[in-house]
Amino acid sequence: MINDALGIILGGGQGTRLFPLTQTRSKPAVPIGGKYRLIDVPISNCLHADVRRIFVLTQFNSMSLNRQQMADLLGLTIETVSRKIRRFEQAGIIQLVGTRLFRVLDDVGLARLAG
């Protein structure tokens, strides 16, 4: 059976009630349990429901979450991703959309260039 479902996760706003945890990161990127982030819970729910196409919408400080997701995908630290993001773009691996979003154009190339 083909699952055409699309998961849309609303990542929240500025997170004033979670300050200072949200001072430098978006609310979904706030760590919980030492190993996970708030966003991991709804993503896990989608994956367990066999929803593989997932969009996460954030409003505040979204680039911190985007870089963290890329780091998790590649098994890198967020600092390494921050240093290499321009290199990824110049190689045609990702496309920056505005100042806060990116689109992965080449998954295999991204993993190869990251290593």
PDB file of N, CA and C in Angstrom:
ATOM      1  N   MET A   1       0.838  -1.182   0.000  1.00  0.00           N
ATOM      2  CA  MET A   1       0.000   0.000   0.000  1.00  0.00           C
ATOM      3  C   MET A   1       0.881   1.241   0.000  1.00  0.00           C
ATOM      4  N   ILE A   2       0.567   2.191  -0.843  1.00  0.00           N
ATOM      5  CA  ILE A   2       1.337   3.421  -0.928  1.00  0.00           C
ATOM      6  C   ILE A   2       0.734   4.442   0.035  1.00  0.00           C
ATOM      7  N   ASN A   3       1.588   5.017   0.860  1.00  0.00           N
ATOM      8  CA  ASN A   3       1.129   5.997   1.826  1.00  0.00           C
ATOM      9  C   ASN A   3       1.409   7.391   1.271  1.00  0.00           C
ATOM     10  N   ASP A   4       0.363   8.099   0.886  1.00  0.00           N
ATOM     11  CA  ASP A   4       0.509   9.452   0.349  1.00  0.00           C
ATOM     12  C   ASP A   4       0.293  10.520   1.409  1.00  0.00           C
ATOM     13  N   ALA A   5       0.251  10.134   2.665  1.00  0.00           N
ATOM     14  CA  ALA A   5      -0.007  11.097   3.735  1.00  0.00           C
ATOM     15  C   ALA A   5       1.165  12.054   3.880  1.00  0.00           C
ATOM     16  N   LEU A   6       0.840  13.257   4.269  1.00  0.00           N
ATOM     17  CA  LEU A   6       1.833  14.296   4.497  1.00  0.00           C
ATOM     18  C   LEU A   6       1.692  14.774   5.934  1.00  0.00           C
ATOM     19  N   GLY A   7       2.790  14.761   6.681  1.00  0.00           N
ATOM     20  CA  GLY A   7       2.765  15.251   8.056  1.00  0.00           C
ATOM     21  C   GLY A   7       3.212  16.699   8.106  1.00  0.00           C
ATOM     22  N   ILE A   8       2.440  17.542   8.763  1.00  0.00           N
ATOM     23  CA  ILE A   8       2.802  18.947   8.947  1.00  0.00           C
ATOM     24  C   ILE A   8       2.843  19.207  10.443  1.00  0.00           C
ATOM     25  N   ILE A   9       4.023  19.594  10.912  1.00  0.00           N
ATOM     26  CA  ILE A   9       4.216  19.850  12.340  1.00  0.00           C
ATOM     27  C   ILE A   9       4.397  21.353  12.526  1.00  0.00           C
ATOM     28  N   LEU A  10       3.550  21.942  13.356  1.00  0.00           N
ATOM     29  CA  LEU A  10       3.648  23.373  13.648  1.00  0.00           C
ATOM     30  C   LEU A  10       4.615  23.544  14.812  1.00  0.00           C
ATOM     31  N   GLY A  11       5.763  24.149  14.519  1.00  0.00           N
ATOM     32  CA  GLY A  11       6.852  24.208  15.487  1.00  0.00           C
ATOM     33  C   GLY A  11       6.746  25.295  16.529  1.00  0.00           C
ATOM     34  N   GLY A  12       5.779  26.155  16.452  1.00  0.00           N
ATOM     35  CA  GLY A  12       5.593  27.150  17.502  1.00  0.00           C
ATOM     36  C   GLY A  12       6.319  28.453  17.241  1.00  0.00           C
ATOM     37  N   GLY A  13       6.176  29.333  18.181  1.00  0.00           N
ATOM     38  CA  GLY A  13       6.711  30.688  18.054  1.00  0.00           C
ATOM     39  C   GLY A  13       7.970  30.895  18.857  1.00  0.00           C
ATOM     40  N   GLN A  14       8.025  32.028  19.518  1.00  0.00           N
ATOM     41  CA  GLN A  14       9.252  32.451  20.181  1.00  0.00           C
ATOM     42  C   GLN A  14       9.583  31.642  21.426  1.00  0.00           C
ATOM     43  N   GLY A  15       8.611  31.071  22.079  1.00  0.00           N
ATOM     44  CA  GLY A  15       8.879  30.243  23.251  1.00  0.00           C
ATOM     45  C   GLY A  15       9.250  31.049  24.484  1.00  0.00           C
ATOM     46  N   THR A  16       8.531  32.127  24.729  1.00  0.00           N
ATOM     47  CA  THR A  16       8.874  33.005  25.854  1.00  0.00           C
ATOM     48  C   THR A  16       8.774  32.287  27.201  1.00  0.00           C
ATOM     49  N   ARG A  17       7.880  31.332  27.329  1.00  0.00           N
ATOM     50  CA  ARG A  17       7.758  30.609  28.604  1.00  0.00           C
ATOM     51  C   ARG A  17       8.921  29.651  28.829  1.00  0.00           C
ATOM     52  N   LEU A  18       9.656  29.338  27.770  1.00  0.00           N
ATOM     53  CA  LEU A  18      10.814  28.447  27.892  1.00  0.00           C
ATOM     54  C   LEU A  18      12.139  29.211  27.944  1.00  0.00           C
ATOM     55  N   PHE A  19      12.078  30.540  27.975  1.00  0.00           N
ATOM     56  CA  PHE A  19      13.292  31.344  28.059  1.00  0.00           C
ATOM     57  C   PHE A  19      14.019  30.992  29.360  1.00  0.00           C
ATOM     58  N   PRO A  20      15.303  30.854  29.408  1.00  0.00           N
ATOM     59  CA  PRO A  20      16.343  31.151  28.422  1.00  0.00           C
ATOM     60  C   PRO A  20      16.682  30.004  27.472  1.00  0.00           C
ATOM     61  N   LEU A  21      15.965  28.884  27.561  1.00  0.00           N
ATOM     62  CA  LEU A  21      16.254  27.761  26.662  1.00  0.00           C
ATOM     63  C   LEU A  21      16.039  28.127  25.196  1.00  0.00           C
ATOM     64  N   THR A  22      15.147  29.085  24.936  1.00  0.00           N
ATOM     65  CA  THR A  22      14.849  29.482  23.562  1.00  0.00           C
ATOM     66  C   THR A  22      15.564  30.770  23.151  1.00  0.00           C
ATOM     67  N   GLN A  23      16.545  31.171  23.914  1.00  0.00           N
ATOM     68  CA  GLN A  23      17.270  32.402  23.588  1.00  0.00           C
ATOM     69  C   GLN A  23      18.047  32.262  22.279  1.00  0.00           C
ATOM     70  N   THR A  24      18.645  31.110  22.030  1.00  0.00           N
ATOM     71  CA  THR A  24      19.464  30.923  20.830  1.00  0.00           C
ATOM     72  C   THR A  24      18.956  29.808  19.926  1.00  0.00           C
ATOM     73  N   ARG A  25      17.785  29.250  20.229  1.00  0.00           N
ATOM     74  CA  ARG A  25      17.263  28.155  19.403  1.00  0.00           C
ATOM     75  C   ARG A  25      15.746  28.263  19.339  1.00  0.00           C
ATOM     76  N   SER A  26      15.182  27.632  18.338  1.00  0.00           N
ATOM     77  CA  SER A  26      13.729  27.604  18.226  1.00  0.00           C
ATOM     78  C   SER A  26      13.164  26.634  19.254  1.00  0.00           C
ATOM     79  N   LYS A  27      11.892  26.796  19.558  1.00  0.00           N
ATOM     80  CA  LYS A  27      11.249  25.939  20.564  1.00  0.00           C
ATOM     81  C   LYS A  27      11.366  24.450  20.218  1.00  0.00           C
ATOM     82  N   PRO A  28      11.170  24.045  18.966  1.00  0.00           N
ATOM     83  CA  PRO A  28      11.294  22.617  18.664  1.00  0.00           C
ATOM     84  C   PRO A  28      12.699  22.056  18.887  1.00  0.00           C
ATOM     85  N   ALA A  29      13.717  22.911  18.901  1.00  0.00           N
ATOM     86  CA  ALA A  29      15.092  22.451  19.077  1.00  0.00           C
ATOM     87  C   ALA A  29      15.514  22.376  20.543  1.00  0.00           C
ATOM     88  N   VAL A  30      14.622  22.723  21.465  1.00  0.00           N
ATOM     89  CA  VAL A  30      14.947  22.664  22.895  1.00  0.00           C
ATOM     90  C   VAL A  30      15.175  21.205  23.292  1.00  0.00           C
ATOM     91  N   PRO A  31      16.306  20.921  23.946  1.00  0.00           N
ATOM     92  CA  PRO A  31      16.596  19.535  24.329  1.00  0.00           C
ATOM     93  C   PRO A  31      15.704  19.040  25.463  1.00  0.00           C
ATOM     94  N   ILE A  32      15.358  17.749  25.372  1.00  0.00           N
ATOM     95  CA  ILE A  32      14.638  17.078  26.469  1.00  0.00           C
ATOM     96  C   ILE A  32      15.282  15.714  26.681  1.00  0.00           C
ATOM     97  N   GLY A  33      15.372  15.299  27.902  1.00  0.00           N
ATOM     98  CA  GLY A  33      15.915  13.982  28.209  1.00  0.00           C
ATOM     99  C   GLY A  33      17.380  13.820  27.872  1.00  0.00           C
ATOM    100  N   GLY A  34      18.104  14.896  27.671  1.00  0.00           N
ATOM    101  CA  GLY A  34      19.531  14.824  27.406  1.00  0.00           C
ATOM    102  C   GLY A  34      19.913  14.439  25.996  1.00  0.00           C
ATOM    103  N   LYS A  35      19.091  13.668  25.310  1.00  0.00           N
ATOM    104  CA  LYS A  35      19.454  13.147  24.000  1.00  0.00           C
ATOM    105  C   LYS A  35      18.510  13.623  22.895  1.00  0.00           C
ATOM    106  N   TYR A  36      17.316  14.020  23.257  1.00  0.00           N
ATOM    107  CA  TYR A  36      16.289  14.340  22.277  1.00  0.00           C
ATOM    108  C   TYR A  36      15.941  15.823  22.296  1.00  0.00           C
ATOM    109  N   ARG A  37      15.151  16.241  21.304  1.00  0.00           N
ATOM    110  CA  ARG A  37      14.632  17.605  21.235  1.00  0.00           C
ATOM    111  C   ARG A  37      13.114  17.528  21.194  1.00  0.00           C
ATOM    112  N   LEU A  38      12.456  18.626  21.511  1.00  0.00           N
ATOM    113  CA  LEU A  38      10.992  18.628  21.513  1.00  0.00           C
ATOM    114  C   LEU A  38      10.426  18.155  20.178  1.00  0.00           C
ATOM    115  N   ILE A  39      11.064  18.514  19.071  1.00  0.00           N
ATOM    116  CA  ILE A  39      10.563  18.155  17.752  1.00  0.00           C
ATOM    117  C   ILE A  39      10.612  16.647  17.510  1.00  0.00           C
ATOM    118  N   ASP A  40      11.460  15.938  18.230  1.00  0.00           N
ATOM    119  CA  ASP A  40      11.598  14.499  18.014  1.00  0.00           C
ATOM    120  C   ASP A  40      10.327  13.724  18.349  1.00  0.00           C
ATOM    121  N   VAL A  41       9.513  14.236  19.264  1.00  0.00           N
ATOM    122  CA  VAL A  41       8.285  13.532  19.661  1.00  0.00           C
ATOM    123  C   VAL A  41       7.277  13.480  18.512  1.00  0.00           C
ATOM    124  N   PRO A  42       6.869  14.621  17.918  1.00  0.00           N
ATOM    125  CA  PRO A  42       5.914  14.511  16.804  1.00  0.00           C
ATOM    126  C   PRO A  42       6.517  13.856  15.559  1.00  0.00           C
ATOM    127  N   ILE A  43       7.825  13.998  15.341  1.00  0.00           N
ATOM    128  CA  ILE A  43       8.451  13.308  14.201  1.00  0.00           C
ATOM    129  C   ILE A  43       8.383  11.801  14.415  1.00  0.00           C
ATOM    130  N   SER A  44       8.667  11.356  15.622  1.00  0.00           N
ATOM    131  CA  SER A  44       8.578   9.932  15.941  1.00  0.00           C
ATOM    132  C   SER A  44       7.150   9.416  15.750  1.00  0.00           C
ATOM    133  N   ASN A  45       6.169  10.218  16.164  1.00  0.00           N
ATOM    134  CA  ASN A  45       4.767   9.831  15.976  1.00  0.00           C
ATOM    135  C   ASN A  45       4.441   9.655  14.494  1.00  0.00           C
ATOM    136  N   CYS A  46       4.922  10.569  13.659  1.00  0.00           N
ATOM    137  CA  CYS A  46       4.693  10.456  12.215  1.00  0.00           C
ATOM    138  C   CYS A  46       5.341   9.187  11.659  1.00  0.00           C
ATOM    139  N   LEU A  47       6.573   8.931  12.041  1.00  0.00           N
ATOM    140  CA  LEU A  47       7.285   7.763  11.528  1.00  0.00           C
ATOM    141  C   LEU A  47       6.614   6.460  11.961  1.00  0.00           C
ATOM    142  N   HIS A  48       6.136   6.413  13.204  1.00  0.00           N
ATOM    143  CA  HIS A  48       5.437   5.216  13.677  1.00  0.00           C
ATOM    144  C   HIS A  48       4.102   5.011  12.962  1.00  0.00           C
ATOM    145  N   ALA A  49       3.540   6.103  12.446  1.00  0.00           N
ATOM    146  CA  ALA A  49       2.290   6.009  11.673  1.00  0.00           C
ATOM    147  C   ALA A  49       2.572   5.812  10.185  1.00  0.00           C
ATOM    148  N   ASP A  50       3.830   5.550   9.841  1.00  0.00           N
ATOM    149  CA  ASP A  50       4.266   5.330   8.466  1.00  0.00           C
ATOM    150  C   ASP A  50       4.089   6.558   7.577  1.00  0.00           C
ATOM    151  N   VAL A  51       4.167   7.746   8.177  1.00  0.00           N
ATOM    152  CA  VAL A  51       4.157   9.002   7.428  1.00  0.00           C
ATOM    153  C   VAL A  51       5.616   9.390   7.221  1.00  0.00           C
ATOM    154  N   ARG A  52       6.070   9.370   5.987  1.00  0.00           N
ATOM    155  CA  ARG A  52       7.480   9.609   5.683  1.00  0.00           C
ATOM    156  C   ARG A  52       7.753  10.995   5.119  1.00  0.00           C
ATOM    157  N   ARG A  53       6.736  11.669   4.614  1.00  0.00           N
ATOM    158  CA  ARG A  53       6.901  13.044   4.126  1.00  0.00           C
ATOM    159  C   ARG A  53       6.430  13.969   5.242  1.00  0.00           C
ATOM    160  N   ILE A  54       7.390  14.683   5.832  1.00  0.00           N
ATOM    161  CA  ILE A  54       7.086  15.501   7.007  1.00  0.00           C
ATOM    162  C   ILE A  54       7.630  16.911   6.783  1.00  0.00           C
ATOM    163  N   PHE A  55       6.785  17.896   7.014  1.00  0.00           N
ATOM    164  CA  PHE A  55       7.204  19.296   6.981  1.00  0.00           C
ATOM    165  C   PHE A  55       7.110  19.845   8.390  1.00  0.00           C
ATOM    166  N   VAL A  56       8.147  20.569   8.800  1.00  0.00           N
ATOM    167  CA  VAL A  56       8.159  21.218  10.107  1.00  0.00           C
ATOM    168  C   VAL A  56       8.143  22.721   9.861  1.00  0.00           C
ATOM    169  N   LEU A  57       7.113  23.401  10.352  1.00  0.00           N
ATOM    170  CA  LEU A  57       6.976  24.841  10.169  1.00  0.00           C
ATOM    171  C   LEU A  57       7.353  25.541  11.466  1.00  0.00           C
ATOM    172  N   THR A  58       8.316  26.438  11.367  1.00  0.00           N
ATOM    173  CA  THR A  58       8.730  27.205  12.539  1.00  0.00           C
ATOM    174  C   THR A  58       8.688  28.682  12.184  1.00  0.00           C
ATOM    175  N   GLN A  59       8.576  29.512  13.209  1.00  0.00           N
ATOM    176  CA  GLN A  59       8.512  30.954  12.982  1.00  0.00           C
ATOM    177  C   GLN A  59       9.723  31.676  13.546  1.00  0.00           C
ATOM    178  N   PHE A  60      10.228  31.224  14.648  1.00  0.00           N
ATOM    179  CA  PHE A  60      11.270  31.970  15.354  1.00  0.00           C
ATOM    180  C   PHE A  60      12.566  31.183  15.357  1.00  0.00           C
ATOM    181  N   ASN A  61      13.653  31.821  14.937  1.00  0.00           N
ATOM    182  CA  ASN A  61      14.988  31.235  15.001  1.00  0.00           C
ATOM    183  C   ASN A  61      15.023  29.850  14.338  1.00  0.00           C
ATOM    184  N   SER A  62      14.415  29.743  13.181  1.00  0.00           N
ATOM    185  CA  SER A  62      14.259  28.439  12.537  1.00  0.00           C
ATOM    186  C   SER A  62      15.563  27.863  12.001  1.00  0.00           C
ATOM    187  N   MET A  63      16.537  28.710  11.679  1.00  0.00           N
ATOM    188  CA  MET A  63      17.781  28.187  11.123  1.00  0.00           C
ATOM    189  C   MET A  63      18.501  27.290  12.121  1.00  0.00           C
ATOM    190  N   SER A  64      18.337  27.552  13.422  1.00  0.00           N
ATOM    191  CA  SER A  64      18.981  26.683  14.423  1.00  0.00           C
ATOM    192  C   SER A  64      18.429  25.265  14.326  1.00  0.00           C
ATOM    193  N   LEU A  65      17.127  25.147  14.103  1.00  0.00           N
ATOM    194  CA  LEU A  65      16.519  23.822  13.978  1.00  0.00           C
ATOM    195  C   LEU A  65      16.922  23.175  12.661  1.00  0.00           C
ATOM    196  N   ASN A  66      16.942  23.934  11.582  1.00  0.00           N
ATOM    197  CA  ASN A  66      17.323  23.383  10.282  1.00  0.00           C
ATOM    198  C   ASN A  66      18.742  22.841  10.310  1.00  0.00           C
ATOM    199  N   ARG A  67      19.653  23.572  10.909  1.00  0.00           N
ATOM    200  CA  ARG A  67      21.038  23.102  10.999  1.00  0.00           C
ATOM    201  C   ARG A  67      21.137  21.885  11.896  1.00  0.00           C
ATOM    202  N   GLN A  68      20.364  21.848  12.966  1.00  0.00           N
ATOM    203  CA  GLN A  68      20.385  20.688  13.858  1.00  0.00           C
ATOM    204  C   GLN A  68      19.854  19.456  13.150  1.00  0.00           C
ATOM    205  N   GLN A  69      18.785  19.615  12.362  1.00  0.00           N
ATOM    206  CA  GLN A  69      18.243  18.484  11.623  1.00  0.00           C
ATOM    207  C   GLN A  69      19.247  17.971  10.601  1.00  0.00           C
ATOM    208  N   MET A  70      19.949  18.880   9.919  1.00  0.00           N
ATOM    209  CA  MET A  70      20.961  18.466   8.951  1.00  0.00           C
ATOM    210  C   MET A  70      22.095  17.741   9.674  1.00  0.00           C
ATOM    211  N   ALA A  71      22.498  18.253  10.833  1.00  0.00           N
ATOM    212  CA  ALA A  71      23.567  17.614  11.604  1.00  0.00           C
ATOM    213  C   ALA A  71      23.156  16.206  12.025  1.00  0.00           C
ATOM    214  N   ASP A  72      21.923  16.056  12.489  1.00  0.00           N
ATOM    215  CA  ASP A  72      21.433  14.733  12.895  1.00  0.00           C
ATOM    216  C   ASP A  72      21.408  13.772  11.715  1.00  0.00           C
ATOM    217  N   LEU A  73      20.960  14.255  10.570  1.00  0.00           N
ATOM    218  CA  LEU A  73      20.880  13.426   9.370  1.00  0.00           C
ATOM    219  C   LEU A  73      22.247  12.911   8.950  1.00  0.00           C
ATOM    220  N   LEU A  74      23.270  13.772   9.089  1.00  0.00           N
ATOM    221  CA  LEU A  74      24.616  13.428   8.622  1.00  0.00           C
ATOM    222  C   LEU A  74      25.517  12.865   9.717  1.00  0.00           C
ATOM    223  N   GLY A  75      25.045  12.876  10.961  1.00  0.00           N
ATOM    224  CA  GLY A  75      25.881  12.407  12.051  1.00  0.00           C
ATOM    225  C   GLY A  75      27.002  13.369  12.385  1.00  0.00           C
ATOM    226  N   LEU A  76      26.749  14.666  12.197  1.00  0.00           N
ATOM    227  CA  LEU A  76      27.743  15.702  12.465  1.00  0.00           C
ATOM    228  C   LEU A  76      27.292  16.553  13.645  1.00  0.00           C
ATOM    229  N   THR A  77      28.175  17.445  14.087  1.00  0.00           N
ATOM    230  CA  THR A  77      27.777  18.424  15.089  1.00  0.00           C
ATOM    231  C   THR A  77      27.183  19.630  14.373  1.00  0.00           C
ATOM    232  N   ILE A  78      26.387  20.398  15.099  1.00  0.00           N
ATOM    233  CA  ILE A  78      25.779  21.583  14.501  1.00  0.00           C
ATOM    234  C   ILE A  78      26.846  22.614  14.115  1.00  0.00           C
ATOM    235  N   GLU A  79      27.962  22.642  14.852  1.00  0.00           N
ATOM    236  CA  GLU A  79      29.045  23.563  14.528  1.00  0.00           C
ATOM    237  C   GLU A  79      29.661  23.225  13.174  1.00  0.00           C
ATOM    238  N   THR A  80      29.829  21.936  12.894  1.00  0.00           N
ATOM    239  CA  THR A  80      30.383  21.506  11.607  1.00  0.00           C
ATOM    240  C   THR A  80      29.451  21.885  10.467  1.00  0.00           C
ATOM    241  N   VAL A  81      28.164  21.671  10.655  1.00  0.00           N
ATOM    242  CA  VAL A  81      27.193  22.044   9.624  1.00  0.00           C
ATOM    243  C   VAL A  81      27.225  23.552   9.395  1.00  0.00           C
ATOM    244  N   SER A  82      27.299  24.332  10.464  1.00  0.00           N
ATOM    245  CA  SER A  82      27.335  25.787  10.324  1.00  0.00           C
ATOM    246  C   SER A  82      28.544  26.231   9.515  1.00  0.00           C
ATOM    247  N   ARG A  83      29.673  25.565   9.717  1.00  0.00           N
ATOM    248  CA  ARG A  83      30.882  25.926   8.965  1.00  0.00           C
ATOM    249  C   ARG A  83      30.795  25.496   7.503  1.00  0.00           C
ATOM    250  N   LYS A  84      30.097  24.412   7.217  1.00  0.00           N
ATOM    251  CA  LYS A  84      30.088  23.857   5.865  1.00  0.00           C
ATOM    252  C   LYS A  84      28.880  24.255   5.029  1.00  0.00           C
ATOM    253  N   ILE A  85      27.951  25.019   5.572  1.00  0.00           N
ATOM    254  CA  ILE A  85      26.702  25.262   4.856  1.00  0.00           C
ATOM    255  C   ILE A  85      26.920  25.993   3.531  1.00  0.00           C
ATOM    256  N   ARG A  86      27.835  26.943   3.486  1.00  0.00           N
ATOM    257  CA  ARG A  86      28.143  27.649   2.229  1.00  0.00           C
ATOM    258  C   ARG A  86      28.789  26.696   1.221  1.00  0.00           C
ATOM    259  N   ARG A  87      29.635  25.815   1.723  1.00  0.00           N
ATOM    260  CA  ARG A  87      30.278  24.822   0.848  1.00  0.00           C
ATOM    261  C   ARG A  87      29.231  23.892   0.232  1.00  0.00           C
ATOM    262  N   PHE A  88      28.249  23.485   1.022  1.00  0.00           N
ATOM    263  CA  PHE A  88      27.162  22.649   0.509  1.00  0.00           C
ATOM    264  C   PHE A  88      26.401  23.371  -0.590  1.00  0.00           C
ATOM    265  N   GLU A  89      26.164  24.660  -0.367  1.00  0.00           N
ATOM    266  CA  GLU A  89      25.416  25.444  -1.354  1.00  0.00           C
ATOM    267  C   GLU A  89      26.220  25.614  -2.644  1.00  0.00           C
ATOM    268  N   GLN A  90      27.493  25.933  -2.532  1.00  0.00           N
ATOM    269  CA  GLN A  90      28.343  26.133  -3.712  1.00  0.00           C
ATOM    270  C   GLN A  90      28.492  24.853  -4.527  1.00  0.00           C
ATOM    271  N   ALA A  91      28.430  23.714  -3.876  1.00  0.00           N
ATOM    272  CA  ALA A  91      28.555  22.434  -4.572  1.00  0.00           C
ATOM    273  C   ALA A  91      27.229  21.988  -5.198  1.00  0.00           C
ATOM    274  N   GLY A  92      26.167  22.778  -5.012  1.00  0.00           N
ATOM    275  CA  GLY A  92      24.872  22.419  -5.575  1.00  0.00           C
ATOM    276  C   GLY A  92      24.168  21.308  -4.821  1.00  0.00           C
ATOM    277  N   ILE A  93      24.578  21.087  -3.573  1.00  0.00           N
ATOM    278  CA  ILE A  93      24.020  20.018  -2.749  1.00  0.00           C
ATOM    279  C   ILE A  93      22.740  20.492  -2.050  1.00  0.00           C
ATOM    280  N   ILE A  94      22.757  21.735  -1.603  1.00  0.00           N
ATOM    281  CA  ILE A  94      21.572  22.331  -0.997  1.00  0.00           C
ATOM    282  C   ILE A  94      21.296  23.656  -1.690  1.00  0.00           C
ATOM    283  N   GLN A  95      20.087  24.134  -1.533  1.00  0.00           N
ATOM    284  CA  GLN A  95      19.705  25.443  -2.055  1.00  0.00           C
ATOM    285  C   GLN A  95      19.155  26.235  -0.886  1.00  0.00           C
ATOM    286  N   LEU A  96      19.759  27.394  -0.615  1.00  0.00           N
ATOM    287  CA  LEU A  96      19.239  28.245   0.439  1.00  0.00           C
ATOM    288  C   LEU A  96      18.024  28.973  -0.111  1.00  0.00           C
ATOM    289  N   VAL A  97      16.952  28.929   0.638  1.00  0.00           N
ATOM    290  CA  VAL A  97      15.704  29.576   0.250  1.00  0.00           C
ATOM    291  C   VAL A  97      15.476  30.693   1.248  1.00  0.00           C
ATOM    292  N   GLY A  98      15.742  31.906   0.844  1.00  0.00           N
ATOM    293  CA  GLY A  98      15.682  33.015   1.791  1.00  0.00           C
ATOM    294  C   GLY A  98      16.887  32.960   2.717  1.00  0.00           C
ATOM    295  N   THR A  99      16.709  33.467   3.924  1.00  0.00           N
ATOM    296  CA  THR A  99      17.819  33.490   4.877  1.00  0.00           C
ATOM    297  C   THR A  99      17.719  32.404   5.938  1.00  0.00           C
ATOM    298  N   ARG A 100      16.602  31.675   5.985  1.00  0.00           N
ATOM    299  CA  ARG A 100      16.404  30.732   7.080  1.00  0.00           C
ATOM    300  C   ARG A 100      16.103  29.304   6.658  1.00  0.00           C
ATOM    301  N   LEU A 101      15.862  29.062   5.391  1.00  0.00           N
ATOM    302  CA  LEU A 101      15.471  27.740   4.947  1.00  0.00           C
ATOM    303  C   LEU A 101      16.442  27.207   3.918  1.00  0.00           C
ATOM    304  N   PHE A 102      16.514  25.889   3.813  1.00  0.00           N
ATOM    305  CA  PHE A 102      17.298  25.276   2.752  1.00  0.00           C
ATOM    306  C   PHE A 102      16.540  24.071   2.213  1.00  0.00           C
ATOM    307  N   ARG A 103      16.856  23.721   1.004  1.00  0.00           N
ATOM    308  CA  ARG A 103      16.274  22.550   0.353  1.00  0.00           C
ATOM    309  C   ARG A 103      17.425  21.630  -0.026  1.00  0.00           C
ATOM    310  N   VAL A 104      17.356  20.372   0.373  1.00  0.00           N
ATOM    311  CA  VAL A 104      18.383  19.402   0.007  1.00  0.00           C
ATOM    312  C   VAL A 104      18.126  18.956  -1.427  1.00  0.00           C
ATOM    313  N   LEU A 105      19.102  19.155  -2.312  1.00  0.00           N
ATOM    314  CA  LEU A 105      18.967  18.797  -3.717  1.00  0.00           C
ATOM    315  C   LEU A 105      19.601  17.447  -4.028  1.00  0.00           C
ATOM    316  N   ASP A 106      20.610  17.064  -3.242  1.00  0.00           N
ATOM    317  CA  ASP A 106      21.359  15.836  -3.510  1.00  0.00           C
ATOM    318  C   ASP A 106      21.722  15.168  -2.189  1.00  0.00           C
ATOM    319  N   ASP A 107      20.885  14.218  -1.742  1.00  0.00           N
ATOM    320  CA  ASP A 107      21.121  13.532  -0.458  1.00  0.00           C
ATOM    321  C   ASP A 107      22.460  12.811  -0.428  1.00  0.00           C
ATOM    322  N   VAL A 108      22.764  12.081  -1.486  1.00  0.00           N
ATOM    323  CA  VAL A 108      23.998  11.291  -1.545  1.00  0.00           C
ATOM    324  C   VAL A 108      25.214  12.220  -1.547  1.00  0.00           C
ATOM    325  N   GLY A 109      25.145  13.283  -2.339  1.00  0.00           N
ATOM    326  CA  GLY A 109      26.241  14.249  -2.379  1.00  0.00           C
ATOM    327  C   GLY A 109      26.446  14.946  -1.064  1.00  0.00           C
ATOM    328  N   LEU A 110      25.347  15.224  -0.362  1.00  0.00           N
ATOM    329  CA  LEU A 110      25.437  15.874   0.946  1.00  0.00           C
ATOM    330  C   LEU A 110      26.161  14.973   1.925  1.00  0.00           C
ATOM    331  N   ALA A 111      25.804  13.704   1.962  1.00  0.00           N
ATOM    332  CA  ALA A 111      26.466  12.773   2.871  1.00  0.00           C
ATOM    333  C   ALA A 111      27.943  12.603   2.518  1.00  0.00           C
ATOM    334  N   ARG A 112      28.271  12.559   1.215  1.00  0.00           N
ATOM    335  CA  ARG A 112      29.654  12.407   0.782  1.00  0.00           C
ATOM    336  C   ARG A 112      30.487  13.646   1.142  1.00  0.00           C
ATOM    337  N   LEU A 113      29.946  14.832   0.871  1.00  0.00           N
ATOM    338  CA  LEU A 113      30.675  16.074   1.131  1.00  0.00           C
ATOM    339  C   LEU A 113      30.810  16.351   2.628  1.00  0.00           C
ATOM    340  N   ALA A 114      29.859  15.900   3.408  1.00  0.00           N
ATOM    341  CA  ALA A 114      29.900  16.131   4.853  1.00  0.00           C
ATOM    342  C   ALA A 114      31.020  15.343   5.519  1.00  0.00           C
ATOM    343  N   GLY A 115      31.313  14.175   4.983  1.00  0.00           N
ATOM    344  CA  GLY A 115      32.308  13.298   5.600  1.00  0.00           C
ATOM    345  C   GLY A 115      33.682  13.680   5.339  1.00  0.00           C
TER     346      GLY A 115
END
